[in-house]
Amino acid sequence: MPFVGLLLKLPHALDAAMRRDTGLSHFEYLVLSALSESADRTRPMSELAEIANASQSRLSHVVAKLEQRDWVRRSACPTNGRVVMATLTEAGYAEVVATAPLHVDAVRALVIDALDTDQLQQLAAIATRLLAAIDDQSADSDRAGQVGDLSEDRVR
């Protein structure tokens, strides 16, 4: 099925293009980009993991690599010491600014340029509908988990 092939190949193609053109993995770029778009260029690690669609473990490993490059800094949340915050440094912001056009070029080459205007509009409509369905299913799963958690608490 072509759709399954797209789901499997597009992430790899974006990652290969980013590694070739910037030296960053696509995931590393997404983490830096997400931080650059937040207030004060800072987000809780848990929120960043959700945005990047990654486990806390994977995100922690990647953020450690970005810290070694002095692009990200981790710190305790000033209002809740149990929460770890990730902050994009000035050097990290400069990296995002430098690599963003290359990311746009990769997306354009792999997706945008391959489709005409009508196909892009169709893709946007289809993607919007699929994302809504995924979000609805995730919300249903979250609610089911919460109900299960409550039931378990009552049993104890």
N, C-alpha and C. Protein backbone atom coordinates (compact mmCIF):
# COMPACT_ATOMS: atom_id res chain seq x y z
N MET A 1 0.85 -1.18 0.00
CA MET A 1 0.00 0.00 0.00
C MET A 1 0.89 1.24 0.00
N PRO A 2 0.66 2.18 -0.89
CA PRO A 2 1.52 3.36 -1.00
C PRO A 2 1.56 4.21 0.28
N PHE A 3 0.43 4.29 0.99
CA PHE A 3 0.40 5.11 2.20
C PHE A 3 1.35 4.56 3.27
N VAL A 4 1.37 3.25 3.43
CA VAL A 4 2.27 2.62 4.40
C VAL A 4 3.72 2.89 3.99
N GLY A 5 4.01 2.78 2.71
CA GLY A 5 5.36 3.08 2.23
C GLY A 5 5.76 4.52 2.56
N LEU A 6 4.83 5.44 2.39
CA LEU A 6 5.10 6.85 2.73
C LEU A 6 5.39 7.00 4.22
N LEU A 7 4.56 6.37 5.05
CA LEU A 7 4.77 6.46 6.49
C LEU A 7 6.13 5.91 6.91
N LEU A 8 6.60 4.91 6.20
CA LEU A 8 7.88 4.29 6.53
C LEU A 8 9.06 5.07 5.95
N LYS A 9 8.92 5.57 4.73
CA LYS A 9 10.05 6.16 4.03
C LYS A 9 10.26 7.65 4.27
N LEU A 10 9.19 8.41 4.45
CA LEU A 10 9.35 9.86 4.59
C LEU A 10 10.18 10.25 5.81
N PRO A 11 9.92 9.70 7.00
CA PRO A 11 10.76 10.08 8.15
C PRO A 11 12.25 9.77 7.91
N HIS A 12 12.53 8.62 7.31
CA HIS A 12 13.92 8.25 7.03
C HIS A 12 14.54 9.23 6.02
N ALA A 13 13.77 9.58 4.99
CA ALA A 13 14.29 10.50 3.97
C ALA A 13 14.56 11.88 4.56
N LEU A 14 13.66 12.37 5.43
CA LEU A 14 13.89 13.66 6.09
C LEU A 14 15.12 13.60 7.00
N ASP A 15 15.25 12.50 7.72
CA ASP A 15 16.40 12.34 8.61
C ASP A 15 17.70 12.31 7.81
N ALA A 16 17.71 11.57 6.72
CA ALA A 16 18.93 11.48 5.89
C ALA A 16 19.29 12.85 5.32
N ALA A 17 18.28 13.59 4.84
CA ALA A 17 18.54 14.92 4.29
C ALA A 17 19.08 15.87 5.37
N MET A 18 18.49 15.82 6.56
CA MET A 18 18.95 16.70 7.63
C MET A 18 20.38 16.34 8.07
N ARG A 19 20.65 15.06 8.19
CA ARG A 19 22.01 14.65 8.58
C ARG A 19 23.03 15.08 7.53
N ARG A 20 22.67 14.90 6.26
CA ARG A 20 23.57 15.27 5.17
C ARG A 20 23.80 16.78 5.13
N ASP A 21 22.73 17.55 5.25
CA ASP A 21 22.81 18.99 5.05
C ASP A 21 23.19 19.78 6.29
N THR A 22 22.90 19.23 7.50
CA THR A 22 23.12 20.01 8.72
C THR A 22 23.95 19.30 9.78
N GLY A 23 24.09 17.98 9.67
CA GLY A 23 24.77 17.23 10.71
C GLY A 23 23.86 16.91 11.89
N LEU A 24 22.62 17.37 11.83
CA LEU A 24 21.64 17.08 12.87
C LEU A 24 20.69 15.99 12.39
N SER A 25 20.22 15.16 13.32
CA SER A 25 19.14 14.26 12.96
C SER A 25 17.86 15.10 12.86
N HIS A 26 16.87 14.56 12.16
CA HIS A 26 15.60 15.26 12.07
C HIS A 26 14.99 15.44 13.46
N PHE A 27 15.13 14.43 14.32
CA PHE A 27 14.61 14.52 15.69
C PHE A 27 15.31 15.63 16.47
N GLU A 28 16.63 15.72 16.36
CA GLU A 28 17.36 16.79 17.05
C GLU A 28 16.87 18.15 16.58
N TYR A 29 16.67 18.28 15.28
CA TYR A 29 16.17 19.55 14.74
C TYR A 29 14.78 19.86 15.30
N LEU A 30 13.90 18.86 15.36
CA LEU A 30 12.55 19.07 15.89
C LEU A 30 12.58 19.54 17.33
N VAL A 31 13.47 18.98 18.14
CA VAL A 31 13.61 19.40 19.54
C VAL A 31 14.06 20.85 19.61
N LEU A 32 15.09 21.20 18.87
CA LEU A 32 15.58 22.59 18.87
C LEU A 32 14.50 23.54 18.37
N SER A 33 13.82 23.15 17.31
CA SER A 33 12.77 23.99 16.74
C SER A 33 11.63 24.20 17.72
N ALA A 34 11.20 23.15 18.40
CA ALA A 34 10.12 23.27 19.38
C ALA A 34 10.50 24.22 20.50
N LEU A 35 11.74 24.16 20.94
CA LEU A 35 12.20 25.08 21.98
C LEU A 35 12.25 26.51 21.46
N SER A 36 12.64 26.68 20.21
CA SER A 36 12.75 28.03 19.65
C SER A 36 11.39 28.72 19.53
N GLU A 37 10.33 27.94 19.45
CA GLU A 37 8.99 28.49 19.27
C GLU A 37 8.26 28.74 20.59
N SER A 38 8.88 28.43 21.70
CA SER A 38 8.21 28.58 23.00
C SER A 38 8.64 29.87 23.69
N ALA A 39 7.81 30.28 24.62
CA ALA A 39 8.12 31.49 25.40
C ALA A 39 9.44 31.28 26.13
N ASP A 40 10.28 32.28 26.06
CA ASP A 40 11.61 32.21 26.70
C ASP A 40 12.44 31.04 26.21
N ARG A 41 12.03 30.44 25.08
CA ARG A 41 12.74 29.30 24.49
C ARG A 41 12.91 28.17 25.51
N THR A 42 11.91 27.99 26.36
CA THR A 42 11.96 27.00 27.43
C THR A 42 10.66 26.21 27.47
N ARG A 43 10.78 24.91 27.70
CA ARG A 43 9.62 24.04 27.86
C ARG A 43 9.95 22.97 28.91
N PRO A 44 8.94 22.48 29.60
CA PRO A 44 9.17 21.29 30.44
C PRO A 44 9.54 20.10 29.54
N MET A 45 10.43 19.26 30.03
CA MET A 45 10.84 18.10 29.24
C MET A 45 9.65 17.22 28.87
N SER A 46 8.69 17.08 29.78
CA SER A 46 7.51 16.24 29.48
C SER A 46 6.72 16.82 28.32
N GLU A 47 6.57 18.13 28.28
CA GLU A 47 5.85 18.78 27.17
C GLU A 47 6.64 18.63 25.87
N LEU A 48 7.94 18.78 25.96
CA LEU A 48 8.81 18.63 24.79
C LEU A 48 8.73 17.21 24.24
N ALA A 49 8.68 16.22 25.12
CA ALA A 49 8.55 14.82 24.69
C ALA A 49 7.23 14.61 23.96
N GLU A 50 6.17 15.23 24.46
CA GLU A 50 4.86 15.10 23.81
C GLU A 50 4.88 15.74 22.42
N ILE A 51 5.45 16.93 22.32
CA ILE A 51 5.53 17.63 21.03
C ILE A 51 6.34 16.81 20.03
N ALA A 52 7.45 16.25 20.49
CA ALA A 52 8.35 15.49 19.62
C ALA A 52 7.88 14.05 19.42
N ASN A 53 6.80 13.67 20.10
CA ASN A 53 6.26 12.32 20.00
C ASN A 53 7.34 11.29 20.37
N ALA A 54 7.97 11.53 21.51
CA ALA A 54 9.08 10.68 21.94
C ALA A 54 8.92 10.28 23.39
N SER A 55 9.56 9.20 23.75
CA SER A 55 9.59 8.79 25.15
C SER A 55 10.48 9.76 25.92
N GLN A 56 10.27 9.81 27.22
CA GLN A 56 11.13 10.64 28.07
C GLN A 56 12.59 10.19 27.95
N SER A 57 12.79 8.88 27.86
CA SER A 57 14.14 8.34 27.76
C SER A 57 14.84 8.80 26.47
N ARG A 58 14.15 8.67 25.35
CA ARG A 58 14.75 9.09 24.07
C ARG A 58 15.05 10.58 24.09
N LEU A 59 14.09 11.37 24.58
CA LEU A 59 14.29 12.82 24.63
C LEU A 59 15.47 13.16 25.53
N SER A 60 15.56 12.54 26.68
CA SER A 60 16.65 12.81 27.61
C SER A 60 18.01 12.53 26.97
N HIS A 61 18.09 11.43 26.24
CA HIS A 61 19.34 11.06 25.55
C HIS A 61 19.72 12.13 24.52
N VAL A 62 18.73 12.57 23.73
CA VAL A 62 19.01 13.56 22.69
C VAL A 62 19.33 14.91 23.31
N VAL A 63 18.62 15.30 24.34
CA VAL A 63 18.90 16.59 24.99
C VAL A 63 20.30 16.57 25.61
N ALA A 64 20.73 15.43 26.13
CA ALA A 64 22.10 15.33 26.66
C ALA A 64 23.12 15.61 25.56
N LYS A 65 22.88 15.08 24.35
CA LYS A 65 23.77 15.36 23.22
C LYS A 65 23.75 16.84 22.86
N LEU A 66 22.56 17.44 22.88
CA LEU A 66 22.45 18.86 22.55
C LEU A 66 23.09 19.72 23.63
N GLU A 67 23.05 19.27 24.89
CA GLU A 67 23.73 19.99 25.97
C GLU A 67 25.25 19.98 25.75
N GLN A 68 25.78 18.86 25.27
CA GLN A 68 27.22 18.78 25.02
C GLN A 68 27.66 19.78 23.96
N ARG A 69 26.76 20.12 23.05
CA ARG A 69 27.06 21.11 22.01
C ARG A 69 26.76 22.53 22.48
N ASP A 70 26.29 22.66 23.72
CA ASP A 70 25.91 23.95 24.32
C ASP A 70 24.73 24.58 23.58
N TRP A 71 23.81 23.74 23.08
CA TRP A 71 22.63 24.24 22.39
C TRP A 71 21.40 24.22 23.29
N VAL A 72 21.42 23.38 24.32
CA VAL A 72 20.30 23.26 25.25
C VAL A 72 20.86 23.18 26.66
N ARG A 73 20.09 23.71 27.60
CA ARG A 73 20.45 23.65 29.02
C ARG A 73 19.24 23.12 29.78
N ARG A 74 19.47 22.18 30.70
CA ARG A 74 18.38 21.68 31.55
C ARG A 74 18.50 22.29 32.93
N SER A 75 17.33 22.52 33.54
CA SER A 75 17.31 23.07 34.90
C SER A 75 16.01 22.67 35.57
N ALA A 76 15.98 22.81 36.88
CA ALA A 76 14.75 22.52 37.63
C ALA A 76 13.77 23.67 37.41
N CYS A 77 12.50 23.34 37.37
CA CYS A 77 11.45 24.35 37.27
C CYS A 77 11.46 25.17 38.56
N PRO A 78 11.43 26.50 38.46
CA PRO A 78 11.48 27.32 39.67
C PRO A 78 10.26 27.15 40.58
N THR A 79 9.12 26.73 40.03
CA THR A 79 7.91 26.59 40.84
C THR A 79 7.61 25.15 41.23
N ASN A 80 8.29 24.19 40.60
CA ASN A 80 8.08 22.78 40.90
C ASN A 80 9.38 22.04 40.64
N GLY A 81 10.14 21.79 41.67
CA GLY A 81 11.46 21.18 41.54
C GLY A 81 11.46 19.79 40.94
N ARG A 82 10.29 19.15 40.86
CA ARG A 82 10.23 17.82 40.26
C ARG A 82 10.19 17.89 38.74
N VAL A 83 9.93 19.07 38.18
CA VAL A 83 9.83 19.25 36.74
C VAL A 83 11.16 19.73 36.19
N VAL A 84 11.63 19.08 35.14
CA VAL A 84 12.88 19.49 34.49
C VAL A 84 12.53 20.32 33.26
N MET A 85 13.17 21.47 33.15
CA MET A 85 12.95 22.38 32.04
C MET A 85 14.12 22.27 31.06
N ALA A 86 13.82 22.39 29.78
CA ALA A 86 14.85 22.45 28.74
C ALA A 86 14.80 23.86 28.16
N THR A 87 15.96 24.48 28.03
CA THR A 87 16.05 25.84 27.51
C THR A 87 17.02 25.86 26.35
N LEU A 88 16.62 26.50 25.27
CA LEU A 88 17.47 26.69 24.11
C LEU A 88 18.44 27.82 24.39
N THR A 89 19.73 27.56 24.27
CA THR A 89 20.74 28.60 24.49
C THR A 89 20.83 29.51 23.26
N GLU A 90 21.57 30.59 23.39
CA GLU A 90 21.79 31.48 22.24
C GLU A 90 22.47 30.72 21.10
N ALA A 91 23.44 29.87 21.45
CA ALA A 91 24.11 29.07 20.42
C ALA A 91 23.13 28.10 19.76
N GLY A 92 22.22 27.54 20.55
CA GLY A 92 21.21 26.65 20.01
C GLY A 92 20.24 27.39 19.10
N TYR A 93 19.87 28.60 19.50
CA TYR A 93 18.98 29.40 18.67
C TYR A 93 19.66 29.73 17.34
N ALA A 94 20.94 30.06 17.39
CA ALA A 94 21.69 30.34 16.16
C ALA A 94 21.71 29.11 15.25
N GLU A 95 21.79 27.93 15.85
CA GLU A 95 21.78 26.69 15.06
C GLU A 95 20.42 26.49 14.39
N VAL A 96 19.34 26.75 15.11
CA VAL A 96 18.01 26.64 14.52
C VAL A 96 17.85 27.61 13.36
N VAL A 97 18.28 28.84 13.56
CA VAL A 97 18.17 29.85 12.51
C VAL A 97 18.97 29.42 11.28
N ALA A 98 20.14 28.84 11.50
CA ALA A 98 20.99 28.41 10.38
C ALA A 98 20.43 27.18 9.66
N THR A 99 19.80 26.27 10.41
CA THR A 99 19.36 25.02 9.80
C THR A 99 17.91 25.04 9.32
N ALA A 100 17.11 25.97 9.80
CA ALA A 100 15.69 26.02 9.40
C ALA A 100 15.51 26.08 7.88
N PRO A 101 16.25 26.92 7.17
CA PRO A 101 16.06 26.95 5.72
C PRO A 101 16.41 25.61 5.05
N LEU A 102 17.35 24.88 5.61
CA LEU A 102 17.71 23.58 5.05
C LEU A 102 16.62 22.55 5.32
N HIS A 103 15.97 22.66 6.46
CA HIS A 103 14.83 21.80 6.76
C HIS A 103 13.69 22.10 5.80
N VAL A 104 13.42 23.37 5.59
CA VAL A 104 12.37 23.76 4.63
C VAL A 104 12.70 23.21 3.25
N ASP A 105 13.96 23.33 2.84
CA ASP A 105 14.37 22.80 1.53
C ASP A 105 14.12 21.30 1.43
N ALA A 106 14.42 20.56 2.50
CA ALA A 106 14.23 19.11 2.49
C ALA A 106 12.75 18.76 2.38
N VAL A 107 11.92 19.44 3.15
CA VAL A 107 10.48 19.19 3.09
C VAL A 107 9.94 19.57 1.71
N ARG A 108 10.41 20.68 1.19
CA ARG A 108 9.96 21.13 -0.13
C ARG A 108 10.34 20.08 -1.19
N ALA A 109 11.58 19.61 -1.15
CA ALA A 109 12.04 18.66 -2.16
C ALA A 109 11.31 17.32 -2.07
N LEU A 110 11.04 16.87 -0.84
CA LEU A 110 10.44 15.55 -0.66
C LEU A 110 8.92 15.54 -0.74
N VAL A 111 8.27 16.66 -0.44
CA VAL A 111 6.81 16.67 -0.38
C VAL A 111 6.21 17.74 -1.29
N ILE A 112 6.54 18.97 -1.04
CA ILE A 112 5.86 20.09 -1.70
C ILE A 112 6.05 20.06 -3.22
N ASP A 113 7.29 19.92 -3.66
CA ASP A 113 7.57 19.96 -5.10
C ASP A 113 7.02 18.75 -5.85
N ALA A 114 6.73 17.67 -5.13
CA ALA A 114 6.22 16.46 -5.77
C ALA A 114 4.72 16.54 -6.06
N LEU A 115 4.05 17.57 -5.52
CA LEU A 115 2.59 17.68 -5.65
C LEU A 115 2.20 18.99 -6.30
N ASP A 116 1.08 18.98 -7.01
CA ASP A 116 0.56 20.24 -7.56
C ASP A 116 -0.31 20.91 -6.49
N THR A 117 -0.82 22.09 -6.80
CA THR A 117 -1.58 22.88 -5.83
C THR A 117 -2.80 22.12 -5.32
N ASP A 118 -3.55 21.51 -6.23
CA ASP A 118 -4.74 20.76 -5.82
C ASP A 118 -4.37 19.59 -4.91
N GLN A 119 -3.29 18.90 -5.24
CA GLN A 119 -2.86 17.77 -4.42
C GLN A 119 -2.41 18.23 -3.04
N LEU A 120 -1.75 19.37 -2.97
CA LEU A 120 -1.33 19.91 -1.66
C LEU A 120 -2.54 20.24 -0.81
N GLN A 121 -3.58 20.81 -1.42
CA GLN A 121 -4.81 21.11 -0.68
C GLN A 121 -5.48 19.83 -0.21
N GLN A 122 -5.49 18.81 -1.06
CA GLN A 122 -6.06 17.52 -0.67
C GLN A 122 -5.25 16.89 0.46
N LEU A 123 -3.94 16.97 0.34
CA LEU A 123 -3.07 16.42 1.39
C LEU A 123 -3.33 17.12 2.72
N ALA A 124 -3.48 18.44 2.69
CA ALA A 124 -3.76 19.19 3.92
C ALA A 124 -5.08 18.75 4.53
N ALA A 125 -6.11 18.59 3.70
CA ALA A 125 -7.42 18.17 4.20
C ALA A 125 -7.36 16.76 4.77
N ILE A 126 -6.68 15.87 4.07
CA ILE A 126 -6.56 14.48 4.54
C ILE A 126 -5.76 14.43 5.84
N ALA A 127 -4.65 15.14 5.88
CA ALA A 127 -3.81 15.14 7.08
C ALA A 127 -4.58 15.70 8.27
N THR A 128 -5.34 16.76 8.05
CA THR A 128 -6.13 17.36 9.13
C THR A 128 -7.14 16.35 9.67
N ARG A 129 -7.82 15.66 8.78
CA ARG A 129 -8.81 14.67 9.21
C ARG A 129 -8.15 13.52 9.96
N LEU A 130 -7.03 13.02 9.44
CA LEU A 130 -6.34 11.90 10.11
C LEU A 130 -5.81 12.32 11.48
N LEU A 131 -5.25 13.51 11.58
CA LEU A 131 -4.75 13.98 12.87
C LEU A 131 -5.88 14.12 13.88
N ALA A 132 -7.02 14.61 13.44
CA ALA A 132 -8.17 14.73 14.34
C ALA A 132 -8.60 13.35 14.84
N ALA A 133 -8.64 12.37 13.94
CA ALA A 133 -9.00 11.01 14.34
C ALA A 133 -8.00 10.44 15.33
N ILE A 134 -6.73 10.68 15.08
CA ILE A 134 -5.68 10.20 16.00
C ILE A 134 -5.82 10.88 17.35
N ASP A 135 -6.04 12.20 17.35
CA ASP A 135 -6.20 12.93 18.61
C ASP A 135 -7.42 12.44 19.38
N ASP A 136 -8.52 12.18 18.67
CA ASP A 136 -9.72 11.65 19.32
C ASP A 136 -9.45 10.30 19.95
N GLN A 137 -8.76 9.43 19.22
CA GLN A 137 -8.45 8.10 19.74
C GLN A 137 -7.52 8.20 20.95
N SER A 138 -6.54 9.09 20.88
CA SER A 138 -5.63 9.28 22.02
C SER A 138 -6.38 9.79 23.24
N ALA A 139 -7.29 10.73 23.02
CA ALA A 139 -8.08 11.26 24.14
C ALA A 139 -8.93 10.16 24.75
N ASP A 140 -9.54 9.32 23.90
CA ASP A 140 -10.34 8.20 24.40
C ASP A 140 -9.48 7.25 25.22
N SER A 141 -8.27 6.97 24.74
CA SER A 141 -7.36 6.07 25.46
C SER A 141 -6.95 6.68 26.79
N ASP A 142 -6.68 8.00 26.78
CA ASP A 142 -6.30 8.68 28.03
C ASP A 142 -7.43 8.62 29.05
N ARG A 143 -8.67 8.87 28.58
CA ARG A 143 -9.82 8.82 29.48
C ARG A 143 -10.02 7.41 30.02
N ALA A 144 -9.85 6.42 29.18
CA ALA A 144 -10.00 5.03 29.62
C ALA A 144 -8.95 4.69 30.66
N GLY A 145 -7.74 5.18 30.47
CA GLY A 145 -6.68 4.94 31.44
C GLY A 145 -6.97 5.61 32.77
N GLN A 146 -7.54 6.81 32.71
CA GLN A 146 -7.88 7.52 33.94
C GLN A 146 -9.00 6.82 34.69
N VAL A 147 -9.98 6.33 33.96
CA VAL A 147 -11.07 5.59 34.59
C VAL A 147 -10.52 4.34 35.24
N GLY A 148 -9.63 3.65 34.51
CA GLY A 148 -9.01 2.45 35.07
C GLY A 148 -8.22 2.75 36.32
N ASP A 149 -7.50 3.87 36.30
CA ASP A 149 -6.71 4.27 37.46
C ASP A 149 -7.62 4.52 38.66
N LEU A 150 -8.76 5.18 38.43
CA LEU A 150 -9.68 5.46 39.52
C LEU A 150 -10.26 4.17 40.09
N SER A 151 -10.60 3.25 39.21
CA SER A 151 -11.17 1.98 39.67
C SER A 151 -10.17 1.22 40.53
N GLU A 152 -8.90 1.24 40.10
CA GLU A 152 -7.87 0.55 40.88
C GLU A 152 -7.71 1.18 42.25
N ASP A 153 -7.83 2.52 42.32
CA ASP A 153 -7.70 3.20 43.61
C ASP A 153 -8.82 2.79 44.56
N ARG A 154 -10.02 2.60 44.02
CA ARG A 154 -11.15 2.21 44.86
C ARG A 154 -10.99 0.80 45.40
N VAL A 155 -10.31 -0.06 44.62
CA VAL A 155 -10.14 -1.44 45.05
C VAL A 155 -9.17 -1.53 46.21
N ARG A 156 -8.20 -0.66 46.22
CA ARG A 156 -7.15 -0.73 47.25
C ARG A 156 -7.65 -0.34 48.56
